[in-house]
């Protein structure tokens, strides 16, 4: 067995491992569509390498040589599709189809030329370079630009350039015929270079897929399914990080807690389906009025919280008042005409040395005061008197004494 044959066998094993790895990810996580295509790309790579073992034994190697080229090109083009699917970039179907048709046609026309012909070698290798260039473009257009993404972009460009370098390498080393390729020095160098880049690109793509799948799983575990907002766990984790940053930088920050008024009556009178619609509409109001830096979450039931890491008491109070006014005019499917929903809000500033529970407790006390004072209002705790609250909206409609649960 020649050196190139040995490295080619290793490449088959490596490609098989990546096929299995991407396949397992796609099987375990149906949303990882990119992993399916990347698994298929590496499976085509295995098939291509097997064909290369058979190629030297053909009496007329031309048809199989064209098939080897076509399968290898298909693997690279499918890899581009996988990257586009993963990065949520539009798949360049027209470009992929054009590359495939022109490249296979051009190599079919040049089948009668000897493999050591420089022009033939360049026509053979150039489509691989273009496919890698297209893959790098997809990564560049993707929304994520982390270290792994940049590294993958660089390695895709390097991988593409090495295909353009192969005709020059073959000319300097003395290209062998198809029958002797697996025993040639050029074949050994070519396969070793392919093995290195195969591993580098494969590992990077695998790490990126795993990174993003884990991020998606984490996001799902921190998201409330009904409201699509952060759940209590997600809110507390992100708000705590933002609060610590505010303490470190000395930035003003505030907490807003909100609670729908008489929500139990909505469920009892109109049914839980209508109650769910109220929750969804309320969440929409909060999210539409929250600034880009605000952290909003559903704590449970009809209770919500919004942490403003870059806003003082005035900004938080304005947000709460705007959201309160937006709740009154919500159009809820399932409620009787003329039945309006209201909400109460409590606002508290972040004080030096506060923990998240401290500022939430003061905001909760302000919310209780809003409930006690008639609901459908915003109450604020003042920095100089953290235990006191001040109503900022006169009672609207009915006045009722009640607890936080109403």
Foldseek 3Di string as FASTA:
>chain_A
DALLLVLLVVLLVLLVVLLVLLVVLCVVPVLLQLSPLLSVLSVLVNVLSVLLVVQLVDPQSLVSVLVSLLSNLVSLLSNLVSLCSNLVHDRPVVVSVVLNVVLSVVLNVCSPPFCLDLVSLQSSLQSQLVSLQSSLVSLVPGPDDDPLSVQLSVLSNVVSVVSNCLSVVCVVQPPDGSNCLSNGPSSNVVSVVVSVSVVSNSVSVSVVSVVVVVVVVVLVVQADPLQRAGEQVNLQVVLQVLLVVCLVVVAKKKKKKKFWPPLVVCCVPQNVVLSSQLQNQLSVLLVVLDDPQKHKYAHDDRMIMIMGSHDHQVVVQVSVLSSQVVQQPDDTPRDDPPDGIGMEMFMEIDDRPDGPVRRVVLSVLQRQVCQQQFGSWYWYQDPVGSNDIDTDDHHDDDRDGDGRVD
